[in-house]
Structure formats: C-alpha cells, structure tokens
C-alpha cells in the first residue's frame, strides 16, 4: 500500500440536464488541473436525484460512461459516481460506476433504495457489494442511503489483503438533503470507527428541481472518526492524501475485529428484485 490521493468533487448538479452536467463537471476538473488517483463525484451526478427514469435513464454504454472514460484517460485517474442506468431487461438501477484510465470499469447497483421518496418503485435493488483495488488499497464504494445500514458496510478480517481486512476505505456518493445533515455527518464517522478504516462521503450542494436543498458536508474521516477534510455547503473540489501507516497501526493497536459478531446477509431490501 502506498499513499492514496482522492479528489472530492462537491458540486451543484444541474437538474435533468445530462449534457450541461458533463460540461459542468468537466470544467470543475479542468479548473482544478491536477487531480488525485481517484476522482469522486456525487450520486446521479448527470441528472440530480430523480425518479423520472423514462426521460432521464441511459444505457450502460451511453454518454455517461463514455464521459467518465474520457475524463479518466485524460486525467490518468479512476472516476467514480452513480448514474441512472436502464438495463437490458428494461429495469432501471441507480448504478455506481468505477472507471479506470484504460476504459475498464466495475459497477455496483445501490442496494438500499430510499422508500421515503419512492425510489424503490422506480429502481431495482442491487444484491452484491463491490470491492475494488487501487494502489494496494481495497475500496468499498456505496451509494447514499446505504450509509444507514451498517451490516451492508461491515468490514471483516482478511488475512490475504495488504491491510488485513476486507477493505481499507469505504466511499459513499450521495444526494443527501440538508434537513438530515446531522445524520450524514454522524453516520460517516460511525462507519469509519466501527470498520477500522477510512470513510469518505461526497455529497452535492444547491437545490434540485424538486426544491430539495443539499448542504454538501462532504468529508474524509480517519479510522478514529476524526475529520481530515470537512467541507461546507459551497461548490468545492478538494484533493486529500490517505496514508496507510496510521491505518495499519490503529488496526494493530485496536483489533476490535477479533470480537465482531458473525452473520449472514439475507435477501435484498426494497421490492425484492435483484440486479
């Protein structure tokens, strides 16, 4: 493991205008110039958080993935964020894409669908977590409402991994509304502490087309629950470095994983539809 540089893009996503968002996020990155090993974008960064899947979805190989591939190659960095994707079976998913500079990618479909907004009526729930390796780090990328469910994020001992556990960094892309910002801030810290790993959350700012306001509060939390970066409610692009030595030392000093409860995951939440 070597130091890992993350670029957090906290921005005001344009409502239902994918073309404008591709230009907008490109400009934010060009303005930043140099970025880290991984660029983290918000949830549904090309549309805003929407249930209007008929008009806002695109196929997996559509312009969203092509834009991410182009920027990943241009900046020689991995890109991660979620899009409204229509699958071949005509079901839609809130799909996180992890795109590498060589154009290859991994995907994760949001498991926990936000029923208070009716998301579970419009999207199929995912049924499998994703772990991606980057420069010796194992990263668990997740989406927004997943943050409230600690079992899905539970880290476990893994002897063959460089960091000794299933993952070293949990990462949440989000459209988390301002009225629940205390929960967002608290849960990011809880996920870091309980899983003996770094935790990153990237949220949007501004107000969407439904009149919902977002306070940002994107953050990088260390394994002790302390904020390394804690952004406010304004548009910001920030790069931060994560170092393996403090993480590994903390796991050695405080091996809480040894006393963790064992469990087995059941069926997906939502309407029971699997990805």
Protein backbone atom coordinates (compact mmCIF):
# COMPACT_ATOMS: atom_id res chain seq x y z
CA UNK A 1 0.00 0.00 0.00
CA UNK A 2 1.18 3.50 -0.82
CA UNK A 3 -0.43 6.85 -0.11
CA UNK A 4 -3.69 7.30 -1.99
CA UNK A 5 -4.81 10.69 -3.31
CA UNK A 6 -8.54 11.37 -3.59
CA UNK A 7 -10.19 14.32 -5.34
CA UNK A 8 -13.65 15.11 -3.95
CA UNK A 9 -16.00 16.99 -6.29
CA UNK A 10 -18.76 18.70 -4.30
CA UNK A 11 -20.92 20.47 -6.87
CA UNK A 12 -24.36 21.84 -7.74
CA UNK A 13 -25.69 19.27 -10.21
CA UNK A 14 -27.89 20.77 -12.95
CA UNK A 15 -31.42 19.38 -12.86
CA UNK A 16 -32.29 16.87 -15.60
CA UNK A 17 -29.63 18.13 -17.99
CA UNK A 18 -27.01 15.47 -18.60
CA UNK A 19 -25.24 17.41 -21.36
CA UNK A 20 -24.93 20.51 -19.18
CA UNK A 21 -23.62 18.38 -16.28
CA UNK A 22 -21.00 16.74 -18.45
CA UNK A 23 -19.76 20.20 -19.38
CA UNK A 24 -20.08 21.48 -15.81
CA UNK A 25 -18.16 18.65 -14.17
CA UNK A 26 -15.54 18.77 -16.91
CA UNK A 27 -15.00 22.46 -16.23
CA UNK A 28 -14.64 21.85 -12.49
CA UNK A 29 -11.94 19.27 -13.16
CA UNK A 30 -10.15 21.42 -15.75
CA UNK A 31 -10.18 24.31 -13.31
CA UNK A 32 -8.66 22.06 -10.66
CA UNK A 33 -5.91 20.98 -13.04
CA UNK A 34 -4.11 18.19 -11.24
CA UNK A 35 -6.30 15.56 -9.58
CA UNK A 36 -5.63 12.53 -7.39
CA UNK A 37 -5.59 8.81 -8.09
CA UNK A 38 -9.38 8.71 -7.70
CA UNK A 39 -11.98 11.39 -8.55
CA UNK A 40 -15.19 11.04 -6.53
CA UNK A 41 -18.41 12.51 -7.97
CA UNK A 42 -21.85 12.70 -6.31
CA UNK A 43 -24.74 10.29 -6.73
CA UNK A 44 -26.68 10.74 -10.01
CA UNK A 45 -24.26 13.49 -10.99
CA UNK A 46 -25.69 13.84 -14.51
CA UNK A 47 -29.35 14.30 -13.51
CA UNK A 48 -29.80 15.05 -9.83
CA UNK A 49 -31.68 12.53 -7.65
CA UNK A 50 -34.72 11.65 -9.76
CA UNK A 51 -37.46 9.07 -10.14
CA UNK A 52 -38.20 10.17 -13.70
CA UNK A 53 -36.46 7.19 -15.20
CA UNK A 54 -38.34 7.23 -18.52
CA UNK A 55 -36.75 10.51 -19.53
CA UNK A 56 -33.52 10.51 -17.53
CA UNK A 57 -32.10 6.98 -17.86
CA UNK A 58 -29.45 5.92 -20.34
CA UNK A 59 -27.98 2.55 -21.34
CA UNK A 60 -24.81 1.34 -19.69
CA UNK A 61 -22.73 2.14 -22.78
CA UNK A 62 -24.33 5.58 -23.12
CA UNK A 63 -22.80 9.08 -22.94
CA UNK A 64 -22.36 8.98 -19.16
CA UNK A 65 -19.95 6.05 -19.19
CA UNK A 66 -18.21 7.47 -22.27
CA UNK A 67 -17.71 10.79 -20.47
CA UNK A 68 -16.25 9.02 -17.44
CA UNK A 69 -13.92 7.00 -19.65
CA UNK A 70 -12.72 10.13 -21.44
CA UNK A 71 -12.03 12.04 -18.22
CA UNK A 72 -10.34 9.02 -16.61
CA UNK A 73 -7.99 8.71 -19.57
CA UNK A 74 -7.39 12.45 -19.75
CA UNK A 75 -6.51 12.82 -16.07
CA UNK A 76 -4.95 9.37 -15.68
CA UNK A 77 -7.21 8.78 -12.68
CA UNK A 78 -10.07 6.50 -11.76
CA UNK A 79 -13.53 8.10 -11.74
CA UNK A 80 -16.43 7.04 -9.51
CA UNK A 81 -20.02 8.28 -9.35
CA UNK A 82 -23.54 6.99 -9.97
CA UNK A 83 -25.89 7.29 -12.97
CA UNK A 84 -29.47 6.39 -13.84
CA UNK A 85 -28.95 3.28 -15.98
CA UNK A 86 -31.57 1.29 -17.87
CA UNK A 87 -30.64 -2.38 -18.04
CA UNK A 88 -31.29 -4.67 -20.99
CA UNK A 89 -34.34 -6.10 -19.17
CA UNK A 90 -35.77 -2.52 -19.14
CA UNK A 91 -35.41 -2.17 -15.35
CA UNK A 92 -33.56 0.89 -14.10
CA UNK A 93 -30.86 0.94 -11.45
CA UNK A 94 -29.02 3.63 -9.51
CA UNK A 95 -25.66 2.36 -10.73
CA UNK A 96 -22.28 3.36 -9.36
CA UNK A 97 -19.51 3.11 -11.95
CA UNK A 98 -15.81 2.83 -11.14
CA UNK A 99 -13.96 3.69 -14.34
CA UNK A 100 -10.21 3.25 -14.87
CA UNK A 101 -7.93 5.23 -17.19
CA UNK A 102 -7.72 2.26 -19.57
CA UNK A 103 -11.51 2.31 -20.03
CA UNK A 104 -12.25 -0.81 -17.99
CA UNK A 105 -14.83 -0.44 -15.25
CA UNK A 106 -16.61 -2.04 -12.30
CA UNK A 107 -20.21 -1.48 -11.29
CA UNK A 108 -22.35 -1.57 -8.16
CA UNK A 109 -26.13 -1.15 -8.05
CA UNK A 110 -27.45 0.68 -5.00
CA UNK A 111 -28.88 -1.91 -2.61
CA UNK A 112 -30.88 0.27 -0.21
CA UNK A 113 -33.48 2.25 -2.14
CA UNK A 114 -34.86 5.35 -0.44
CA UNK A 115 -38.51 4.43 0.03
CA UNK A 116 -39.42 7.80 1.57
CA UNK A 117 -39.02 9.28 -1.93
CA UNK A 118 -40.45 6.23 -3.71
CA UNK A 119 -37.09 5.20 -5.18
CA UNK A 120 -37.98 1.53 -4.64
CA UNK A 121 -40.92 1.88 -7.05
CA UNK A 122 -38.70 3.05 -9.91
CA UNK A 123 -35.41 1.19 -9.48
CA UNK A 124 -34.28 -2.39 -8.94
CA UNK A 125 -32.14 -3.03 -5.87
CA UNK A 126 -28.63 -4.41 -6.14
CA UNK A 127 -27.69 -7.61 -4.34
CA UNK A 128 -23.88 -7.69 -4.28
CA UNK A 129 -21.27 -5.37 -2.74
CA UNK A 130 -18.22 -4.28 -4.72
CA UNK A 131 -14.60 -4.12 -3.58
CA UNK A 132 -12.04 -2.52 -5.90
CA UNK A 133 -8.26 -2.49 -5.53
CA UNK A 134 -6.31 0.69 -6.22
CA UNK A 135 -2.59 1.05 -5.48
CA UNK A 136 -2.74 -1.65 -2.83
CA UNK A 137 -5.85 -0.22 -1.17
CA UNK A 138 -9.12 -2.12 -1.08
CA UNK A 139 -12.06 0.26 -1.56
CA UNK A 140 -15.76 -0.41 -0.88
CA UNK A 141 -17.87 2.09 -2.92
CA UNK A 142 -21.52 2.54 -1.89
CA UNK A 143 -24.42 4.90 -2.60
CA UNK A 144 -26.17 7.41 -0.30
CA UNK A 145 -28.92 5.59 1.70
CA UNK A 146 -26.60 2.57 2.03
CA UNK A 147 -24.85 4.65 4.71
CA UNK A 148 -27.68 4.00 7.18
CA UNK A 149 -27.22 0.21 7.15
CA UNK A 150 -24.08 -0.92 8.98
CA UNK A 151 -24.43 -4.63 8.22
CA UNK A 152 -24.04 -3.97 4.48
CA UNK A 153 -20.86 -1.98 5.18
CA UNK A 154 -19.40 -4.36 7.77
CA UNK A 155 -15.66 -4.89 7.40
CA UNK A 156 -14.19 -8.32 8.13
CA UNK A 157 -10.78 -9.82 8.69
CA UNK A 158 -8.99 -10.94 5.51
CA UNK A 159 -5.56 -12.41 6.00
CA UNK A 160 -4.57 -12.23 2.32
CA UNK A 161 -5.30 -8.50 1.93
CA UNK A 162 -2.49 -5.91 2.30
CA UNK A 163 -4.40 -4.09 5.04
CA UNK A 164 -5.51 -7.28 6.78
CA UNK A 165 -9.24 -6.65 6.28
CA UNK A 166 -11.80 -6.88 3.52
CA UNK A 167 -11.42 -3.17 2.74
CA UNK A 168 -9.43 -0.14 3.86
CA UNK A 169 -11.67 2.67 2.62
CA UNK A 170 -15.45 2.92 2.41
CA UNK A 171 -16.74 5.52 -0.01
CA UNK A 172 -20.27 6.92 -0.28
CA UNK A 173 -21.52 9.02 -3.21
CA UNK A 174 -24.70 10.85 -2.27
CA UNK A 175 -27.54 13.30 -2.77
CA UNK A 176 -28.21 13.70 0.96
CA UNK A 177 -30.69 16.51 1.78
CA UNK A 178 -29.76 19.33 4.14
CA UNK A 179 -32.52 18.64 6.74
CA UNK A 180 -30.78 15.32 7.54
CA UNK A 181 -27.21 16.61 7.54
CA UNK A 182 -26.65 15.64 11.18
CA UNK A 183 -27.36 12.02 10.30
CA UNK A 184 -24.98 12.21 7.32
CA UNK A 185 -22.15 13.63 9.37
CA UNK A 186 -22.70 11.23 12.27
CA UNK A 187 -23.01 8.08 10.18
CA UNK A 188 -19.86 8.77 8.17
CA UNK A 189 -17.94 8.87 11.44
CA UNK A 190 -19.66 5.76 12.75
CA UNK A 191 -18.82 3.75 9.62
CA UNK A 192 -15.15 4.74 9.92
CA UNK A 193 -14.90 3.87 13.61
CA UNK A 194 -16.74 0.55 13.54
CA UNK A 195 -14.99 -0.71 10.41
CA UNK A 196 -11.44 0.31 11.38
CA UNK A 197 -10.97 2.14 8.09
CA UNK A 198 -11.07 5.49 6.35
CA UNK A 199 -14.53 6.67 5.27
CA UNK A 200 -15.25 9.21 2.52
CA UNK A 201 -18.60 10.79 1.67
CA UNK A 202 -19.18 13.06 -1.32
CA UNK A 203 -22.49 14.92 -1.40
CA UNK A 204 -23.87 17.60 -3.71
CA UNK A 205 -24.81 21.20 -2.92
CA UNK A 206 -27.52 23.56 -4.16
CA UNK A 207 -31.24 22.95 -4.68
CA UNK A 208 -32.69 20.40 -7.09
CA UNK A 209 -35.71 20.55 -9.37
CA UNK A 210 -37.96 19.26 -6.59
CA UNK A 211 -36.98 22.15 -4.33
CA UNK A 212 -34.81 19.95 -2.09
CA UNK A 213 -31.72 21.67 -0.66
CA UNK A 214 -28.37 19.98 -0.12
CA UNK A 215 -25.74 21.12 2.37
CA UNK A 216 -22.73 19.29 0.97
CA UNK A 217 -20.74 18.37 4.08
CA UNK A 218 -18.51 16.07 2.03
CA UNK A 219 -15.86 14.64 4.31
CA UNK A 220 -12.88 12.37 4.72
CA UNK A 221 -12.91 10.59 8.09
CA UNK A 222 -9.94 8.73 9.56
CA UNK A 223 -10.24 5.33 11.35
CA UNK A 224 -10.58 7.09 14.72
CA UNK A 225 -13.58 9.08 13.50
CA UNK A 226 -11.72 12.39 13.14
CA UNK A 227 -12.39 14.56 10.10
CA UNK A 228 -9.37 15.05 7.85
CA UNK A 229 -11.48 17.11 5.43
CA UNK A 230 -14.92 18.51 6.25
CA UNK A 231 -16.40 20.68 3.51
CA UNK A 232 -19.18 23.20 3.89
CA UNK A 233 -22.15 23.93 1.66
CA UNK A 234 -20.35 25.62 -1.24
CA UNK A 235 -19.07 24.18 -4.50
CA UNK A 236 -15.59 22.81 -3.88
CA UNK A 237 -13.05 20.47 -5.45
CA UNK A 238 -10.50 19.25 -2.90
CA UNK A 239 -7.69 16.70 -3.04
CA UNK A 240 -6.57 14.83 0.08
CA UNK A 241 -3.95 12.12 0.68
CA UNK A 242 -4.65 8.99 2.72
CA UNK A 243 -1.67 7.23 4.28
CA UNK A 244 -1.58 3.52 5.14
CA UNK A 245 0.71 3.69 8.18
CA UNK A 246 -1.82 5.26 10.62
CA UNK A 247 -4.50 2.83 9.41
CA UNK A 248 -2.35 -0.27 9.89
CA UNK A 249 -1.05 0.94 13.24
CA UNK A 250 -4.58 1.54 14.52
CA UNK A 251 -5.70 -1.93 13.46
CA UNK A 252 -2.70 -3.41 15.27
CA UNK A 253 -3.32 -1.43 18.47
CA UNK A 254 -7.08 -1.85 18.50
CA UNK A 255 -8.09 -5.16 16.85
CA UNK A 256 -11.83 -4.86 17.52
CA UNK A 257 -12.47 -7.15 14.54
CA UNK A 258 -11.46 -10.06 16.78
CA UNK A 259 -14.64 -9.59 18.84
CA UNK A 260 -17.06 -8.86 15.99
CA UNK A 261 -20.30 -10.82 15.64
CA UNK A 262 -20.67 -13.24 12.75
CA UNK A 263 -23.72 -13.04 10.47
CA UNK A 264 -25.05 -13.86 7.02
CA UNK A 265 -26.79 -11.40 4.71
CA UNK A 266 -30.34 -12.15 3.61
CA UNK A 267 -32.42 -11.01 0.66
CA UNK A 268 -32.15 -7.51 -0.82
CA UNK A 269 -34.35 -4.75 0.56
CA UNK A 270 -36.93 -2.88 -1.50
CA UNK A 271 -39.22 -4.84 -3.80
CA UNK A 272 -37.06 -7.98 -3.64
CA UNK A 273 -35.85 -7.59 -7.22
CA UNK A 274 -32.19 -8.42 -7.63
CA UNK A 275 -29.80 -6.85 -10.11
